[in-house]
Protein backbone atom coordinates (compact mmCIF):
# COMPACT_ATOMS: atom_id res chain seq x y z
CA UNK A 1 -11.55 32.84 -9.85
CA UNK A 2 -13.39 34.61 -7.01
CA UNK A 3 -12.59 34.77 -3.52
CA UNK A 4 -15.01 33.36 -0.98
CA UNK A 5 -16.72 36.12 1.04
CA UNK A 6 -16.17 34.59 4.53
CA UNK A 7 -12.73 33.12 4.35
CA UNK A 8 -11.10 35.22 1.63
CA UNK A 9 -9.74 31.96 0.04
CA UNK A 10 -9.75 31.60 -3.68
CA UNK A 11 -12.24 29.37 -5.09
CA UNK A 12 -10.74 27.07 -7.49
CA UNK A 13 -12.72 26.08 -10.52
CA UNK A 14 -12.61 22.15 -10.89
CA UNK A 15 -13.33 19.94 -13.86
CA UNK A 16 -17.18 18.79 -13.24
CA UNK A 17 -17.06 15.52 -15.48
CA UNK A 18 -14.41 13.70 -17.09
CA UNK A 19 -10.56 14.26 -16.72
CA UNK A 20 -10.77 16.63 -19.71
CA UNK A 21 -7.63 18.11 -21.06
CA UNK A 22 -4.61 16.64 -19.30
CA UNK A 23 -2.16 18.74 -21.12
CA UNK A 24 -2.99 22.01 -19.31
CA UNK A 25 -3.44 22.05 -15.49
CA UNK A 26 -3.40 25.87 -14.89
CA UNK A 27 -7.21 26.24 -15.40
CA UNK A 28 -7.90 24.23 -12.56
CA UNK A 29 -4.98 25.20 -10.11
CA UNK A 30 -3.82 27.90 -7.98
CA UNK A 31 -0.91 28.75 -10.35
CA UNK A 32 -0.81 29.37 -14.26
CA UNK A 33 1.84 26.69 -14.84
CA UNK A 34 1.17 24.37 -17.57
CA UNK A 35 0.28 20.93 -16.66
CA UNK A 36 3.25 19.34 -18.27
CA UNK A 37 5.67 21.37 -16.37
CA UNK A 38 3.80 20.77 -13.02
CA UNK A 39 3.80 16.91 -13.60
CA UNK A 40 7.61 16.74 -14.40
CA UNK A 41 8.53 18.88 -11.19
CA UNK A 42 6.87 16.24 -9.10
CA UNK A 43 7.91 13.18 -11.35
CA UNK A 44 11.32 14.21 -10.70
CA UNK A 45 11.03 13.86 -6.88
CA UNK A 46 8.93 10.60 -7.41
CA UNK A 47 10.64 7.19 -6.80
CA UNK A 48 11.44 5.13 -9.70
CA UNK A 49 8.76 2.76 -10.62
CA UNK A 50 9.75 -0.38 -12.74
CA UNK A 51 9.13 0.11 -16.49
CA UNK A 52 8.38 -3.51 -16.67
CA UNK A 53 5.50 -3.20 -14.24
CA UNK A 54 4.29 -0.11 -16.31
CA UNK A 55 4.29 -2.04 -19.49
CA UNK A 56 2.55 -5.11 -17.57
CA UNK A 57 -0.37 -2.90 -16.59
CA UNK A 58 -0.86 -1.89 -20.26
CA UNK A 59 -0.36 -5.26 -21.56
CA UNK A 60 -2.98 -7.09 -19.24
CA UNK A 61 -5.70 -4.48 -20.35
CA UNK A 62 -5.67 -6.56 -23.39
CA UNK A 63 -8.01 -9.53 -22.86
CA UNK A 64 -6.08 -11.59 -25.41
CA UNK A 65 -2.75 -11.19 -24.09
CA UNK A 66 -0.76 -14.62 -23.74
CA UNK A 67 0.69 -16.11 -20.51
CA UNK A 68 4.23 -16.44 -22.17
CA UNK A 69 4.11 -12.87 -23.19
CA UNK A 70 3.50 -11.88 -19.63
CA UNK A 71 6.08 -14.24 -18.18
CA UNK A 72 8.86 -12.93 -20.61
CA UNK A 73 7.96 -9.19 -19.76
CA UNK A 74 8.41 -9.83 -15.98
CA UNK A 75 11.33 -11.83 -16.51
CA UNK A 76 13.15 -8.71 -18.00
CA UNK A 77 13.40 -7.44 -14.42
CA UNK A 78 15.13 -9.99 -12.34
CA UNK A 79 14.80 -8.43 -9.11
CA UNK A 80 11.07 -7.68 -9.54
CA UNK A 81 10.72 -11.44 -10.61
CA UNK A 82 12.29 -12.45 -7.47
CA UNK A 83 10.07 -10.34 -5.30
CA UNK A 84 7.12 -11.77 -7.26
CA UNK A 85 8.06 -15.39 -6.71
CA UNK A 86 8.60 -14.51 -2.92
CA UNK A 87 5.20 -13.12 -2.72
CA UNK A 88 3.63 -15.98 -4.66
CA UNK A 89 5.14 -18.48 -2.17
CA UNK A 90 4.15 -16.49 0.90
CA UNK A 91 1.45 -17.66 3.24
CA UNK A 92 -0.98 -15.20 1.54
CA UNK A 93 -0.79 -17.22 -1.73
CA UNK A 94 0.21 -20.44 -0.08
CA UNK A 95 0.09 -23.84 -2.25
CA UNK A 96 1.20 -27.38 -1.74
CA UNK A 97 3.93 -27.01 -4.39
CA UNK A 98 6.84 -24.49 -4.46
CA UNK A 99 6.20 -21.95 -7.28
CA UNK A 100 9.63 -22.01 -9.19
CA UNK A 101 9.12 -19.52 -12.29
CA UNK A 102 6.95 -16.67 -13.29
CA UNK A 103 5.22 -18.97 -15.98
CA UNK A 104 4.43 -21.69 -13.08
CA UNK A 105 3.14 -18.73 -10.96
CA UNK A 106 0.60 -17.65 -13.79
CA UNK A 107 -0.39 -21.35 -14.10
CA UNK A 108 -0.83 -21.74 -10.28
CA UNK A 109 -2.31 -18.44 -9.20
CA UNK A 110 -3.64 -17.20 -12.50
CA UNK A 111 -2.84 -14.17 -14.57
CA UNK A 112 -5.07 -11.71 -12.55
CA UNK A 113 -3.71 -12.44 -9.32
CA UNK A 114 -0.15 -12.54 -10.55
CA UNK A 115 -0.59 -9.08 -12.16
CA UNK A 116 -1.81 -7.87 -8.82
CA UNK A 117 1.24 -9.50 -6.92
CA UNK A 118 3.82 -7.72 -9.71
CA UNK A 119 2.27 -4.37 -9.42
CA UNK A 120 2.05 -4.47 -5.59
CA UNK A 121 5.88 -5.52 -5.53
CA UNK A 122 6.82 -2.90 -8.02
CA UNK A 123 4.96 -0.04 -6.00
CA UNK A 124 6.55 -1.45 -2.62
CA UNK A 125 10.18 -1.38 -4.07
CA UNK A 126 9.90 2.09 -5.00
CA UNK A 127 8.32 3.41 -1.63
CA UNK A 128 10.79 5.71 0.16
CA UNK A 129 11.01 6.03 3.79
CA UNK A 130 9.00 2.97 4.61
CA UNK A 131 9.35 3.05 8.38
CA UNK A 132 7.75 6.66 8.55
CA UNK A 133 4.37 6.71 10.06
CA UNK A 134 2.94 8.65 7.02
CA UNK A 135 4.18 6.15 4.41
CA UNK A 136 3.01 3.12 6.50
CA UNK A 137 -0.58 4.60 6.54
CA UNK A 138 -0.25 5.54 2.90
CA UNK A 139 0.74 2.15 1.88
CA UNK A 140 -1.93 0.37 3.77
CA UNK A 141 -4.62 2.73 2.49
CA UNK A 142 -3.56 2.10 -1.17
CA UNK A 143 -3.58 -1.81 -0.56
CA UNK A 144 -6.83 -1.52 1.18
CA UNK A 145 -8.35 0.58 -1.61
CA UNK A 146 -6.97 -1.99 -4.03
CA UNK A 147 -8.54 -4.90 -2.24
CA UNK A 148 -11.81 -3.40 -1.52
CA UNK A 149 -12.27 -2.11 -5.23
CA UNK A 150 -10.99 -5.42 -6.72
CA UNK A 151 -13.88 -7.53 -4.62
CA UNK A 152 -16.66 -5.18 -5.26
CA UNK A 153 -16.30 -3.82 -8.86
CA UNK A 154 -17.98 -5.49 -11.68
CA UNK A 155 -15.90 -4.75 -14.85
CA UNK A 156 -15.28 -6.45 -18.29
CA UNK A 157 -11.66 -6.16 -17.77
CA UNK A 158 -10.34 -6.23 -14.43
CA UNK A 159 -8.31 -3.11 -13.29
CA UNK A 160 -9.92 -2.17 -10.08
CA UNK A 161 -7.00 -3.40 -8.03
CA UNK A 162 -4.33 -1.73 -10.00
CA UNK A 163 -6.44 1.47 -10.20
CA UNK A 164 -6.90 1.27 -6.37
CA UNK A 165 -3.27 0.59 -5.61
CA UNK A 166 -2.18 3.51 -7.82
CA UNK A 167 -4.87 6.10 -6.78
CA UNK A 168 -2.88 7.77 -4.25
CA UNK A 169 0.36 8.14 -6.19
CA UNK A 170 -0.17 11.74 -6.12
CA UNK A 171 0.20 11.96 -2.36
CA UNK A 172 3.34 10.02 -2.62
CA UNK A 173 4.73 12.69 -4.98
CA UNK A 174 3.58 15.72 -2.75
CA UNK A 175 5.18 13.85 0.35
CA UNK A 176 8.37 13.61 -1.77
CA UNK A 177 8.06 17.21 -2.77
CA UNK A 178 6.99 18.64 0.50
CA UNK A 179 8.35 16.12 3.21
CA UNK A 180 7.03 17.01 6.58
CA UNK A 181 5.24 20.08 5.57
CA UNK A 182 2.94 17.94 3.59
CA UNK A 183 2.32 15.54 6.30
CA UNK A 184 1.56 18.40 8.55
CA UNK A 185 -0.89 19.69 5.85
CA UNK A 186 -2.62 16.57 5.94
CA UNK A 187 -2.84 16.28 9.43
CA UNK A 188 -4.20 19.73 9.71
CA UNK A 189 -6.85 19.06 7.26
CA UNK A 190 -8.01 16.10 9.10
CA UNK A 191 -7.73 17.45 12.37
CA UNK A 192 -9.69 20.72 11.36
CA UNK A 193 -12.03 19.02 9.12
CA UNK A 194 -10.75 21.21 6.10
CA UNK A 195 -10.75 20.17 2.42
CA UNK A 196 -7.54 18.35 2.15
CA UNK A 197 -7.46 18.90 -1.91
CA UNK A 198 -8.49 22.62 -1.61
CA UNK A 199 -5.51 22.80 0.84
CA UNK A 200 -3.15 20.97 -1.60
CA UNK A 201 -4.01 23.23 -4.55
CA UNK A 202 -3.39 26.36 -2.40
CA UNK A 203 0.13 24.91 -1.45
CA UNK A 204 1.17 23.15 -4.47
CA UNK A 205 -0.89 24.16 -7.27
CA UNK A 206 -2.37 20.95 -7.77
CA UNK A 207 -4.02 18.14 -5.80
CA UNK A 208 -3.22 14.59 -5.05
CA UNK A 209 -6.10 13.29 -7.36
CA UNK A 210 -5.16 15.44 -10.45
CA UNK A 211 -1.51 14.82 -9.88
CA UNK A 212 -2.20 11.10 -9.85
CA UNK A 213 -3.97 11.09 -13.09
CA UNK A 214 -1.17 13.00 -14.81
CA UNK A 215 1.55 10.91 -13.23
CA UNK A 216 -0.12 7.61 -14.62
CA UNK A 217 -0.54 9.48 -18.04
CA UNK A 218 3.26 10.30 -18.05
CA UNK A 219 3.80 6.56 -17.13
CA UNK A 220 1.81 5.79 -20.24
CA UNK A 221 -0.94 3.81 -18.49
CA UNK A 222 -4.35 3.27 -19.97
CA UNK A 223 -6.59 6.25 -20.02
CA UNK A 224 -9.21 4.34 -17.90
CA UNK A 225 -6.70 4.14 -15.08
CA UNK A 226 -5.68 7.81 -15.39
CA UNK A 227 -9.41 8.94 -15.08
CA UNK A 228 -9.87 6.48 -12.21
CA UNK A 229 -7.10 8.19 -10.09
CA UNK A 230 -7.87 11.73 -11.15
CA UNK A 231 -11.55 11.47 -10.48
CA UNK A 232 -11.53 9.10 -7.26
CA UNK A 233 -13.12 12.20 -5.18
CA UNK A 234 -15.90 12.96 -7.86
CA UNK A 235 -18.92 10.58 -7.38
CA UNK A 236 -20.63 9.48 -10.43
CA UNK A 237 -18.56 11.25 -13.22
CA UNK A 238 -15.59 9.00 -13.80
CA UNK A 239 -17.39 5.64 -14.68
CA UNK A 240 -17.49 2.29 -13.08
CA UNK A 241 -13.82 2.11 -12.39
CA UNK A 242 -13.49 5.44 -10.81
CA UNK A 243 -16.70 4.71 -8.69
CA UNK A 244 -14.72 1.31 -7.50
CA UNK A 245 -11.84 3.22 -6.40
CA UNK A 246 -13.71 5.99 -4.64
CA UNK A 247 -15.62 3.28 -2.82
CA UNK A 248 -12.50 1.46 -1.95
CA UNK A 249 -10.87 4.77 -0.64
CA UNK A 250 -13.70 5.59 1.52
CA UNK A 251 -14.05 2.42 2.91
CA UNK A 252 -10.23 2.06 3.49
CA UNK A 253 -10.16 5.52 5.37
CA UNK A 254 -13.02 4.23 7.45
CA UNK A 255 -11.22 1.20 8.43
CA UNK A 256 -8.45 3.38 9.89
CA UNK A 257 -5.93 3.20 6.81
CA UNK A 258 -4.41 6.38 5.73
CA UNK A 259 -5.80 10.00 5.17
CA UNK A 260 -6.74 10.49 1.27
CA UNK A 261 -9.47 13.41 1.94
CA UNK A 262 -12.38 11.36 2.79
CA UNK A 263 -12.48 12.57 6.60
CA UNK A 264 -15.26 15.16 5.95
CA UNK A 265 -17.57 12.58 4.16
CA UNK A 266 -16.98 10.16 6.81
CA UNK A 267 -17.65 12.61 9.71
CA UNK A 268 -21.07 13.54 7.95
CA UNK A 269 -21.79 9.86 7.31
CA UNK A 270 -22.71 10.85 3.55
CA UNK A 271 -22.22 7.57 1.89
CA UNK A 272 -23.56 6.15 -1.41
CA UNK A 273 -25.70 2.81 -1.00
CA UNK A 274 -22.76 0.52 -1.87
CA UNK A 275 -20.43 2.37 0.49
CA UNK A 276 -22.99 2.26 3.34
CA UNK A 277 -23.58 -1.56 2.81
CA UNK A 278 -19.97 -2.35 3.18
CA UNK A 279 -19.19 -0.04 6.06
CA UNK A 280 -22.12 -1.74 7.84
CA UNK A 281 -20.84 -5.33 7.21
CA UNK A 282 -18.26 -5.49 10.15
CA UNK A 283 -16.96 -9.05 9.22
CA UNK A 284 -16.26 -7.97 5.81
CA UNK A 285 -14.17 -4.94 7.07
CA UNK A 286 -12.35 -7.42 9.25
CA UNK A 287 -11.50 -9.65 6.27
CA UNK A 288 -10.08 -6.56 4.33
CA UNK A 289 -8.09 -5.52 7.38
CA UNK A 290 -6.58 -9.03 7.69
CA UNK A 291 -5.71 -9.12 3.95
CA UNK A 292 -3.78 -5.71 4.08
CA UNK A 293 -1.85 -7.19 6.99
CA UNK A 294 -0.95 -10.35 4.99
CA UNK A 295 0.10 -8.45 2.19
CA UNK A 296 2.33 -6.30 4.24
CA UNK A 297 3.70 -9.49 5.92
CA UNK A 298 4.49 -11.10 2.59
CA UNK A 299 6.68 -8.21 1.53
CA UNK A 300 8.49 -7.81 5.01
């Protein structure tokens, strides 16, 4: 590692392609701490996430999964089941008939949409300090990224919504660890046009994208989701799913939802063709913003 001649700051070597060896973070961080110790440190502070939701995300990656298998799994968490049915019966997913069971919900809204509802409800339940401005912005950014990625990605197995929703989980862990110090770091990075992830590595020994990949690995989620989260700031290296998450992340921040580290790209106007196409489509942006507000209302 060599110091930058002008700033005196240490240049951190990053992984140029693929998430690589997730067992060791020291080679790509400002500290020589083994990756397992780094992620366990932040996981201890991370709010608990429904084991049922984690299993569901792994289960639905299998195209042959049965509706009954999914319904049985969700029913193991009564609180999550109740939250899922409340969302399914909200104005966002309004139907002429009341949805009375998880299996009924699958039949009415479909397995893909129900999975999105469950994962959204599970993440919402685990968010601390929901009233803080930072957490509100983080939540809206996560939902917007999920919606945008889901509606723009073309993938054989639909995982764009889940990957988009969870791509910022590293920021949640850093916020839980650093509190207002982390909020100040984000605000200063945006205000001064600095590299957010570089500042995170300097302060915490890892960045939110790298940390997200490690957290999803610790939760036992499919590797494709781990890579999509870890590489959402790396263009053209993480595959179609990572590209979909990156697109959603940039557009979400452009709309005004959250601060995930895209501010310098937005200020420079350096967009890929797909991102530019969506950003220039104001009616579509309005639809995304409305959907984010609708999901938030359905959980209130």
